[in-house]
Amino acid sequence: MPVCLREFDFERDYDAAIHLWEGMEKGIHVGRSDTPVEIRRKLERDPDLFLVAEHDGQLIGTVIGGFDGRRGYIYHLAVRTGYRGRGIGGMLMGEVEKRLRAKGCLKCYLNVTPDNVEAMRYYEKRGWQRSDNPSYAKEFN
């Protein structure tokens, strides 16, 4: 199954991303930082860290990375039901981690909701270590 990773394009992807996030069983809470104004603001700062996975023209996954010049942060890793277990989340995470490292990021954080045990296991398998519950951290070499 060919999957394309690319940078988020607001006009093309916003509605599909919101739909994906709202449909997640757990772990992603759509809030005021996900409004069109806030997503556009995010894209002004570091558009190269907001990635989507696409299959046959359909958005099937997202990940948002942030970097403040010192630390990184990961938000909204999501893969559409039916496409999970195929390595798409790993592709998204691998690419955003690579891009964060290229910017000079030495340590990155993400939050996992306490009810999302599957996500905790997923991140731990990828080398993330629990810091303060529900946060995880990863140092980049």
Protein backbone atom coordinates (compact mmCIF):
# COMPACT_ATOMS: atom_id res chain seq x y z
CA MET A 1 0.00 0.00 0.00
CA PRO A 2 1.71 3.21 -1.12
CA VAL A 3 1.60 5.95 1.49
CA CYS A 4 2.81 9.46 0.82
CA LEU A 5 4.15 11.63 3.65
CA ARG A 6 4.00 15.35 3.03
CA GLU A 7 3.69 18.65 4.81
CA PHE A 8 0.24 19.78 5.88
CA ASP A 9 -1.52 22.15 3.47
CA PHE A 10 -4.18 24.18 5.26
CA GLU A 11 -6.67 24.52 2.42
CA ARG A 12 -6.35 20.91 1.37
CA ASP A 13 -6.04 19.22 4.76
CA TYR A 14 -7.64 21.18 7.58
CA ASP A 15 -11.16 19.71 7.41
CA ALA A 16 -9.89 16.15 6.97
CA ALA A 17 -7.44 16.52 9.88
CA ILE A 18 -10.13 17.85 12.22
CA HIS A 19 -12.42 15.00 11.17
CA LEU A 20 -9.64 12.47 11.86
CA TRP A 21 -8.85 13.95 15.28
CA GLU A 22 -12.49 14.15 16.34
CA GLY A 23 -12.97 10.52 15.35
CA MET A 24 -10.11 9.20 17.47
CA GLU A 25 -11.36 6.85 20.17
CA LYS A 26 -9.02 8.37 22.75
CA GLY A 27 -5.88 10.38 23.11
CA ILE A 28 -6.66 13.44 21.00
CA HIS A 29 -8.82 16.23 22.27
CA VAL A 30 -9.72 18.86 19.71
CA GLY A 31 -9.55 22.22 21.44
CA ARG A 32 -9.00 25.87 20.86
CA SER A 33 -5.42 25.30 19.66
CA ASP A 34 -6.96 23.40 16.73
CA THR A 35 -9.07 26.26 15.40
CA PRO A 36 -8.28 27.54 11.90
CA VAL A 37 -6.61 30.65 13.34
CA GLU A 38 -4.36 28.63 15.64
CA ILE A 39 -3.45 26.04 13.01
CA ARG A 40 -2.52 28.84 10.58
CA ARG A 41 -0.36 30.35 13.34
CA LYS A 42 1.33 26.99 13.81
CA LEU A 43 2.03 26.79 10.09
CA GLU A 44 3.67 30.23 10.16
CA ARG A 45 6.15 29.05 12.80
CA ASP A 46 7.33 25.69 11.47
CA PRO A 47 5.24 24.25 8.64
CA ASP A 48 7.87 21.57 8.02
CA LEU A 49 6.96 19.91 11.33
CA PHE A 50 3.26 19.39 10.55
CA LEU A 51 3.02 16.22 8.49
CA VAL A 52 0.26 14.14 6.99
CA ALA A 53 0.12 10.63 5.59
CA GLU A 54 -1.97 10.17 2.48
CA HIS A 55 -3.22 7.12 0.60
CA ASP A 56 -5.09 7.40 -2.70
CA GLY A 57 -5.60 11.13 -2.10
CA GLN A 58 -7.12 10.56 1.34
CA LEU A 59 -5.59 11.93 4.54
CA ILE A 60 -5.03 8.90 6.78
CA GLY A 61 -2.61 10.22 9.40
CA THR A 62 -1.14 13.29 11.03
CA VAL A 63 1.59 14.37 13.38
CA ILE A 64 2.46 17.85 14.57
CA GLY A 65 5.91 18.71 15.83
CA GLY A 66 6.90 21.89 17.56
CA PHE A 67 10.32 23.34 18.32
CA ASP A 68 11.01 26.41 20.40
CA GLY A 69 14.73 26.49 19.66
CA ARG A 70 15.53 24.39 22.71
CA ARG A 71 12.99 21.59 23.14
CA GLY A 72 10.61 19.79 20.86
CA TYR A 73 7.05 18.68 21.34
CA ILE A 74 4.84 16.19 19.52
CA TYR A 75 1.08 16.61 19.14
CA HIS A 76 -1.76 14.82 17.40
CA LEU A 77 -0.17 11.64 16.14
CA ALA A 78 -3.22 9.98 14.63
CA VAL A 79 -3.83 7.23 12.10
CA ARG A 80 -7.27 6.50 10.72
CA THR A 81 -8.93 3.27 11.86
CA GLY A 82 -8.38 0.61 9.23
CA TYR A 83 -4.87 1.86 8.47
CA ARG A 84 -3.38 1.17 11.89
CA GLY A 85 -0.80 -1.53 12.41
CA ARG A 86 0.79 -0.89 9.00
CA GLY A 87 3.67 1.31 10.16
CA ILE A 88 2.09 4.62 9.18
CA GLY A 89 2.39 6.08 12.67
CA GLY A 90 6.02 4.98 12.72
CA MET A 91 6.64 6.65 9.38
CA LEU A 92 5.12 9.91 10.64
CA MET A 93 7.02 9.79 13.93
CA GLY A 94 10.29 8.85 12.25
CA GLU A 95 10.05 11.77 9.84
CA VAL A 96 9.06 14.38 12.42
CA GLU A 97 11.81 13.15 14.79
CA LYS A 98 14.35 13.39 11.92
CA ARG A 99 13.22 16.94 11.17
CA LEU A 100 13.40 17.96 14.83
CA ARG A 101 16.94 16.58 15.11
CA ALA A 102 17.93 18.49 11.95
CA LYS A 103 16.79 21.71 13.65
CA GLY A 104 19.08 20.99 16.60
CA CYS A 105 16.46 19.56 18.94
CA LEU A 106 18.13 17.50 21.67
CA LYS A 107 15.07 16.55 23.71
CA CYS A 108 11.42 16.21 22.84
CA TYR A 109 8.22 15.77 24.85
CA LEU A 110 4.70 14.53 24.28
CA ASN A 111 1.67 13.88 26.44
CA VAL A 112 -0.38 10.71 26.59
CA THR A 113 -3.78 10.69 28.24
CA PRO A 114 -3.88 8.29 31.22
CA ASP A 115 -6.51 6.07 29.57
CA ASN A 116 -4.41 5.52 26.45
CA VAL A 117 -2.35 2.50 27.49
CA GLU A 118 -1.88 1.46 23.86
CA ALA A 119 -0.18 4.78 23.09
CA MET A 120 2.04 4.46 26.14
CA ARG A 121 3.24 1.06 24.92
CA TYR A 122 3.68 2.41 21.40
CA TYR A 123 5.90 5.29 22.48
CA GLU A 124 7.91 3.14 24.87
CA LYS A 125 8.67 0.72 22.02
CA ARG A 126 9.92 3.71 20.00
CA GLY A 127 12.41 4.67 22.72
CA TRP A 128 10.39 7.29 24.55
CA GLN A 129 10.68 7.26 28.32
CA ARG A 130 7.99 8.25 30.76
CA SER A 131 8.81 11.41 32.68
CA ASP A 132 5.93 12.97 34.59
CA ASN A 133 2.70 11.09 34.00
CA PRO A 134 1.31 11.46 31.37
CA SER A 135 4.37 13.00 29.73
CA TYR A 136 7.06 11.18 27.83
CA ALA A 137 10.42 12.49 26.78
CA LYS A 138 13.02 11.47 24.25
CA GLU A 139 16.53 12.76 23.85
CA PHE A 140 17.77 13.00 20.29
CA ASN A 141 21.36 12.11 19.53
